[in-house]
Amino acid sequence: MRKNKTKKEKIRYIDDGRTIADMSSVSAGRNRWGSGTVSTFGDIWRTYWRAVRMMLLPTLVAVGILSVAFLIVALIFWLA
């Protein structure tokens, strides 16, 4: 006593090497003007400065290494 079921179409995915995905079934997304963050300006500002403080030391180290490398190269060419 089975009812006749229609056979579900099996989807085959073929990789054609493209990097852009098919976004045709995705809805339009958020409204640009209607929705936004619920964070206050103070929260955003604190988060920004915490990120800046976290990256300050690595940035200074990188600038120091580049400066030392530049001075070494300048000395080599100045003495040559």
C-alpha atoms as a PDB file:
ATOM      1  CA  MET A   1       0.000   0.000   0.000  1.00  0.00           C
ATOM      2  CA  ARG A   2       2.635   2.465  -0.962  1.00  0.00           C
ATOM      3  CA  LYS A   3       1.726   5.647  -2.662  1.00  0.00           C
ATOM      4  CA  ASN A   4       3.555   6.420  -5.826  1.00  0.00           C
ATOM      5  CA  LYS A   5       6.300   8.835  -4.955  1.00  0.00           C
ATOM      6  CA  THR A   6       7.999  10.931  -7.535  1.00  0.00           C
ATOM      7  CA  LYS A   7      11.669  10.338  -7.610  1.00  0.00           C
ATOM      8  CA  LYS A   8      13.651  13.262  -6.274  1.00  0.00           C
ATOM      9  CA  GLU A   9      16.108  14.709  -8.751  1.00  0.00           C
ATOM     10  CA  LYS A  10      19.664  14.118  -7.674  1.00  0.00           C
ATOM     11  CA  ILE A  11      21.780  17.262  -7.850  1.00  0.00           C
ATOM     12  CA  ARG A  12      25.203  16.921  -9.389  1.00  0.00           C
ATOM     13  CA  TYR A  13      27.785  19.561  -8.636  1.00  0.00           C
ATOM     14  CA  ILE A  14      30.487  20.096 -11.221  1.00  0.00           C
ATOM     15  CA  ASP A  15      33.591  22.105 -10.365  1.00  0.00           C
ATOM     16  CA  ASP A  16      34.370  24.260 -13.359  1.00  0.00           C
ATOM     17  CA  GLY A  17      37.273  26.041 -11.682  1.00  0.00           C
ATOM     18  CA  ARG A  18      35.516  29.367 -11.188  1.00  0.00           C
ATOM     19  CA  THR A  19      36.001  31.122  -7.869  1.00  0.00           C
ATOM     20  CA  ILE A  20      32.684  32.981  -7.827  1.00  0.00           C
ATOM     21  CA  ALA A  21      29.820  31.042  -6.280  1.00  0.00           C
ATOM     22  CA  ASP A  22      26.264  31.016  -7.550  1.00  0.00           C
ATOM     23  CA  MET A  23      24.460  33.542  -5.368  1.00  0.00           C
ATOM     24  CA  SER A  24      21.154  33.491  -7.263  1.00  0.00           C
ATOM     25  CA  SER A  25      19.246  31.795  -4.449  1.00  0.00           C
ATOM     26  CA  VAL A  26      20.469  34.165  -1.728  1.00  0.00           C
ATOM     27  CA  SER A  27      18.072  36.850  -0.602  1.00  0.00           C
ATOM     28  CA  ALA A  28      18.897  40.509  -1.050  1.00  0.00           C
ATOM     29  CA  GLY A  29      20.463  40.802   2.398  1.00  0.00           C
ATOM     30  CA  ARG A  30      20.207  43.516   4.988  1.00  0.00           C
ATOM     31  CA  ASN A  31      18.655  46.844   4.357  1.00  0.00           C
ATOM     32  CA  ARG A  32      21.420  49.409   4.075  1.00  0.00           C
ATOM     33  CA  TRP A  33      19.666  52.120   6.044  1.00  0.00           C
ATOM     34  CA  GLY A  34      17.220  50.220   8.230  1.00  0.00           C
ATOM     35  CA  SER A  35      19.370  47.864  10.216  1.00  0.00           C
ATOM     36  CA  GLY A  36      22.553  48.629  12.024  1.00  0.00           C
ATOM     37  CA  THR A  37      24.508  47.933  15.128  1.00  0.00           C
ATOM     38  CA  VAL A  38      23.043  48.207  18.579  1.00  0.00           C
ATOM     39  CA  SER A  39      26.437  49.116  20.025  1.00  0.00           C
ATOM     40  CA  THR A  40      27.028  52.538  21.458  1.00  0.00           C
ATOM     41  CA  PHE A  41      29.739  54.849  20.209  1.00  0.00           C
ATOM     42  CA  GLY A  42      31.705  54.259  23.399  1.00  0.00           C
ATOM     43  CA  ASP A  43      31.687  50.487  22.868  1.00  0.00           C
ATOM     44  CA  ILE A  44      32.889  50.877  19.300  1.00  0.00           C
ATOM     45  CA  TRP A  45      35.590  53.349  20.343  1.00  0.00           C
ATOM     46  CA  ARG A  46      36.871  51.060  23.146  1.00  0.00           C
ATOM     47  CA  THR A  47      36.986  48.084  20.784  1.00  0.00           C
ATOM     48  CA  TYR A  48      38.927  50.130  18.222  1.00  0.00           C
ATOM     49  CA  TRP A  49      41.540  51.294  20.732  1.00  0.00           C
ATOM     50  CA  ARG A  50      41.943  47.821  22.197  1.00  0.00           C
ATOM     51  CA  ALA A  51      42.730  46.533  18.705  1.00  0.00           C
ATOM     52  CA  VAL A  52      45.171  49.399  18.096  1.00  0.00           C
ATOM     53  CA  ARG A  53      46.953  48.767  21.406  1.00  0.00           C
ATOM     54  CA  MET A  54      47.195  45.071  20.590  1.00  0.00           C
ATOM     55  CA  MET A  55      48.922  45.821  17.274  1.00  0.00           C
ATOM     56  CA  LEU A  56      51.132  48.690  18.476  1.00  0.00           C
ATOM     57  CA  LEU A  57      54.069  46.592  19.701  1.00  0.00           C
ATOM     58  CA  PRO A  58      54.217  44.316  16.616  1.00  0.00           C
ATOM     59  CA  THR A  59      54.058  47.403  14.393  1.00  0.00           C
ATOM     60  CA  LEU A  60      56.920  49.073  16.259  1.00  0.00           C
ATOM     61  CA  VAL A  61      58.992  45.884  16.027  1.00  0.00           C
ATOM     62  CA  ALA A  62      58.392  45.663  12.261  1.00  0.00           C
ATOM     63  CA  VAL A  63      59.299  49.337  11.762  1.00  0.00           C
ATOM     64  CA  GLY A  64      62.426  48.849  13.870  1.00  0.00           C
ATOM     65  CA  ILE A  65      63.550  45.833  11.826  1.00  0.00           C
ATOM     66  CA  LEU A  66      62.979  47.744   8.580  1.00  0.00           C
ATOM     67  CA  SER A  67      64.907  50.741   9.935  1.00  0.00           C
ATOM     68  CA  VAL A  68      67.870  48.594  10.970  1.00  0.00           C
ATOM     69  CA  ALA A  69      67.876  46.868   7.571  1.00  0.00           C
ATOM     70  CA  PHE A  70      67.774  50.244   5.821  1.00  0.00           C
ATOM     71  CA  LEU A  71      70.679  51.557   7.915  1.00  0.00           C
ATOM     72  CA  ILE A  72      72.763  48.456   7.194  1.00  0.00           C
ATOM     73  CA  VAL A  73      72.163  48.764   3.453  1.00  0.00           C
ATOM     74  CA  ALA A  74      72.865  52.526   3.572  1.00  0.00           C
ATOM     75  CA  LEU A  75      76.157  51.911   5.418  1.00  0.00           C
ATOM     76  CA  ILE A  76      77.189  49.252   2.920  1.00  0.00           C
ATOM     77  CA  PHE A  77      76.604  51.592  -0.019  1.00  0.00           C
ATOM     78  CA  TRP A  78      78.087  54.610   1.776  1.00  0.00           C
ATOM     79  CA  LEU A  79      81.323  52.791   2.610  1.00  0.00           C
ATOM     80  CA  ALA A  80      81.648  51.126  -0.812  1.00  0.00           C
END
